[in-house]
Structures are given as C-alpha cells and as structure tokens.
Amino acid sequence: MLVRTGQGKYYITLNTGSVFSACLYNFDIDGAEVKPSHRDLLREKVVKPFLQTGGSVAVMGLASTSAGQTWDLDLSRHRAEEVAAYLWGF
C-alpha cells in the first residue's frame, strides 16, 4: 500500500576528482515516483550538468527489507527504472 512520506531527499558525496555519488531517498513507501526534489537534483543541480560535460552515470535501486525479499527486489528495480527513465528524458 502506497504511503506518502513527504519531500524526496538526497545527499551527494564527492569521491575523487570529478567522481561523485548521489543518493536519492525518502521515496514513498511502496512507491517509485521520482519526486520534485529528486528531479531538481537530477536536472538542475548535479547530474544533467555532469552528463553534458561527457560524464556518465550508473543507477542502482534499493528498498528496505520490510516487505520481503521478492517485493523489495521488485521495488528496488522499479525505482532504478524510474530514475533511469527520467534521466533518458534529458
């Protein structure tokens, strides 16, 4: 059952040079929607400008283990697919 969790959140970690990690979190429970604040990070703040300079990204989805392994794996995959689909829209 979808439970709204409020604004999407994220954090960014600079690894080395121009390599960074960005984590989107606070997806709705049982949800995969890329929230407006997630889209802001992907489109304006970090990811799109990075891609425009020739960078590349890898997308990985994660979900909690609260609903069972099969469900969580499917939700993780769906979240990653939603983020990737949004990125393809650039």
C-alpha atoms as a PDB file:
ATOM      1  CA  MET A   1       0.000   0.000   0.000  1.00  0.00           C
ATOM      2  CA  LEU A   2       1.393   3.392  -1.011  1.00  0.00           C
ATOM      3  CA  VAL A   3       2.164   5.643   1.952  1.00  0.00           C
ATOM      4  CA  ARG A   4       3.288   9.205   1.246  1.00  0.00           C
ATOM      5  CA  THR A   5       6.497  10.146   3.065  1.00  0.00           C
ATOM      6  CA  GLY A   6       6.808  13.809   2.141  1.00  0.00           C
ATOM      7  CA  GLN A   7       9.540  15.549   0.211  1.00  0.00           C
ATOM      8  CA  GLY A   8      12.171  13.443  -1.513  1.00  0.00           C
ATOM      9  CA  LYS A   9      15.664  13.850  -0.113  1.00  0.00           C
ATOM     10  CA  TYR A  10      19.187  13.287  -1.360  1.00  0.00           C
ATOM     11  CA  TYR A  11      22.833  13.566  -0.469  1.00  0.00           C
ATOM     12  CA  ILE A  12      25.949  13.855  -2.599  1.00  0.00           C
ATOM     13  CA  THR A  13      29.400  12.514  -1.797  1.00  0.00           C
ATOM     14  CA  LEU A  14      32.481  13.604  -3.724  1.00  0.00           C
ATOM     15  CA  ASN A  15      34.634  10.523  -4.215  1.00  0.00           C
ATOM     16  CA  THR A  16      37.696  11.661  -6.188  1.00  0.00           C
ATOM     17  CA  GLY A  17      38.215  14.335  -8.809  1.00  0.00           C
ATOM     18  CA  SER A  18      35.010  14.515 -10.818  1.00  0.00           C
ATOM     19  CA  VAL A  19      33.607  11.220  -9.492  1.00  0.00           C
ATOM     20  CA  PHE A  20      30.692  11.551  -7.111  1.00  0.00           C
ATOM     21  CA  SER A  21      27.868   9.510  -5.650  1.00  0.00           C
ATOM     22  CA  ALA A  22      24.333  10.805  -5.305  1.00  0.00           C
ATOM     23  CA  CYS A  23      21.736   9.025  -3.211  1.00  0.00           C
ATOM     24  CA  LEU A  24      18.033   9.741  -3.654  1.00  0.00           C
ATOM     25  CA  TYR A  25      15.907   8.653  -0.720  1.00  0.00           C
ATOM     26  CA  ASN A  26      12.622   9.159   1.083  1.00  0.00           C
ATOM     27  CA  PHE A  27      10.646   7.606  -1.744  1.00  0.00           C
ATOM     28  CA  ASP A  28       7.068   6.902  -0.735  1.00  0.00           C
ATOM     29  CA  ILE A  29       6.599   3.561   0.982  1.00  0.00           C
ATOM     30  CA  ASP A  30       5.854   1.087  -1.820  1.00  0.00           C
ATOM     31  CA  GLY A  31       6.441   3.915  -4.310  1.00  0.00           C
ATOM     32  CA  ALA A  32       8.925   4.587  -7.083  1.00  0.00           C
ATOM     33  CA  GLU A  33       7.939   8.104  -8.159  1.00  0.00           C
ATOM     34  CA  VAL A  34      10.873  10.440  -8.767  1.00  0.00           C
ATOM     35  CA  LYS A  35       9.793  13.322  -6.531  1.00  0.00           C
ATOM     36  CA  PRO A  36      10.225  17.019  -7.437  1.00  0.00           C
ATOM     37  CA  SER A  37      13.286  17.498  -5.211  1.00  0.00           C
ATOM     38  CA  HIS A  38      14.848  14.367  -6.758  1.00  0.00           C
ATOM     39  CA  ARG A  39      14.148  15.776 -10.220  1.00  0.00           C
ATOM     40  CA  ASP A  40      15.730  19.074  -9.188  1.00  0.00           C
ATOM     41  CA  LEU A  41      18.971  17.304  -8.259  1.00  0.00           C
ATOM     42  CA  LEU A  42      18.954  15.200 -11.417  1.00  0.00           C
ATOM     43  CA  ARG A  43      18.027  18.003 -13.811  1.00  0.00           C
ATOM     44  CA  GLU A  44      19.482  21.236 -12.498  1.00  0.00           C
ATOM     45  CA  LYS A  45      21.941  20.844  -9.681  1.00  0.00           C
ATOM     46  CA  VAL A  46      24.312  17.998 -10.452  1.00  0.00           C
ATOM     47  CA  VAL A  47      23.525  15.144 -12.792  1.00  0.00           C
ATOM     48  CA  LYS A  48      22.417  16.831 -16.035  1.00  0.00           C
ATOM     49  CA  PRO A  49      25.326  19.331 -15.984  1.00  0.00           C
ATOM     50  CA  PHE A  50      27.699  16.413 -15.326  1.00  0.00           C
ATOM     51  CA  LEU A  51      26.253  14.440 -18.250  1.00  0.00           C
ATOM     52  CA  GLN A  52      26.502  17.483 -20.524  1.00  0.00           C
ATOM     53  CA  THR A  53      30.271  17.585 -19.945  1.00  0.00           C
ATOM     54  CA  GLY A  54      30.640  13.974 -21.107  1.00  0.00           C
ATOM     55  CA  GLY A  55      30.156  12.231 -17.759  1.00  0.00           C
ATOM     56  CA  SER A  56      28.255   9.002 -17.308  1.00  0.00           C
ATOM     57  CA  VAL A  57      26.077   7.556 -14.573  1.00  0.00           C
ATOM     58  CA  ALA A  58      25.198   4.179 -13.140  1.00  0.00           C
ATOM     59  CA  VAL A  59      21.820   3.754 -11.460  1.00  0.00           C
ATOM     60  CA  MET A  60      21.129   1.335  -8.624  1.00  0.00           C
ATOM     61  CA  GLY A  61      17.833   0.982  -6.780  1.00  0.00           C
ATOM     62  CA  LEU A  62      17.491  -0.026  -3.163  1.00  0.00           C
ATOM     63  CA  ALA A  63      14.469  -0.588  -0.962  1.00  0.00           C
ATOM     64  CA  SER A  64      14.091  -1.576   2.660  1.00  0.00           C
ATOM     65  CA  THR A  65      13.750  -5.188   3.695  1.00  0.00           C
ATOM     66  CA  SER A  66      10.410  -4.626   5.401  1.00  0.00           C
ATOM     67  CA  ALA A  67       8.153  -6.328   2.861  1.00  0.00           C
ATOM     68  CA  GLY A  68      10.031  -9.454   1.966  1.00  0.00           C
ATOM     69  CA  GLN A  69      12.886 -10.161  -0.388  1.00  0.00           C
ATOM     70  CA  THR A  70      10.908 -10.583  -3.618  1.00  0.00           C
ATOM     71  CA  TRP A  71       8.792  -7.467  -3.124  1.00  0.00           C
ATOM     72  CA  ASP A  72      11.790  -5.350  -2.093  1.00  0.00           C
ATOM     73  CA  LEU A  73      13.818  -6.529  -5.094  1.00  0.00           C
ATOM     74  CA  ASP A  74      10.960  -5.622  -7.445  1.00  0.00           C
ATOM     75  CA  LEU A  75      10.535  -2.213  -5.795  1.00  0.00           C
ATOM     76  CA  SER A  76      14.288  -1.577  -5.971  1.00  0.00           C
ATOM     77  CA  ARG A  77      14.274  -2.395  -9.674  1.00  0.00           C
ATOM     78  CA  HIS A  78      11.238  -0.202 -10.288  1.00  0.00           C
ATOM     79  CA  ARG A  79      12.862   2.772  -8.514  1.00  0.00           C
ATOM     80  CA  ALA A  80      16.044   2.387 -10.565  1.00  0.00           C
ATOM     81  CA  GLU A  81      13.994   2.157 -13.765  1.00  0.00           C
ATOM     82  CA  GLU A  82      12.042   5.311 -12.885  1.00  0.00           C
ATOM     83  CA  VAL A  83      15.255   7.277 -12.222  1.00  0.00           C
ATOM     84  CA  ALA A  84      16.836   5.963 -15.434  1.00  0.00           C
ATOM     85  CA  ALA A  85      13.715   6.834 -17.449  1.00  0.00           C
ATOM     86  CA  TYR A  86      13.806  10.354 -16.027  1.00  0.00           C
ATOM     87  CA  LEU A  87      17.485  10.697 -16.958  1.00  0.00           C
ATOM     88  CA  TRP A  88      16.766   9.494 -20.511  1.00  0.00           C
ATOM     89  CA  GLY A  89      14.288  12.364 -20.823  1.00  0.00           C
ATOM     90  CA  PHE A  90      17.105  14.937 -20.851  1.00  0.00           C
END
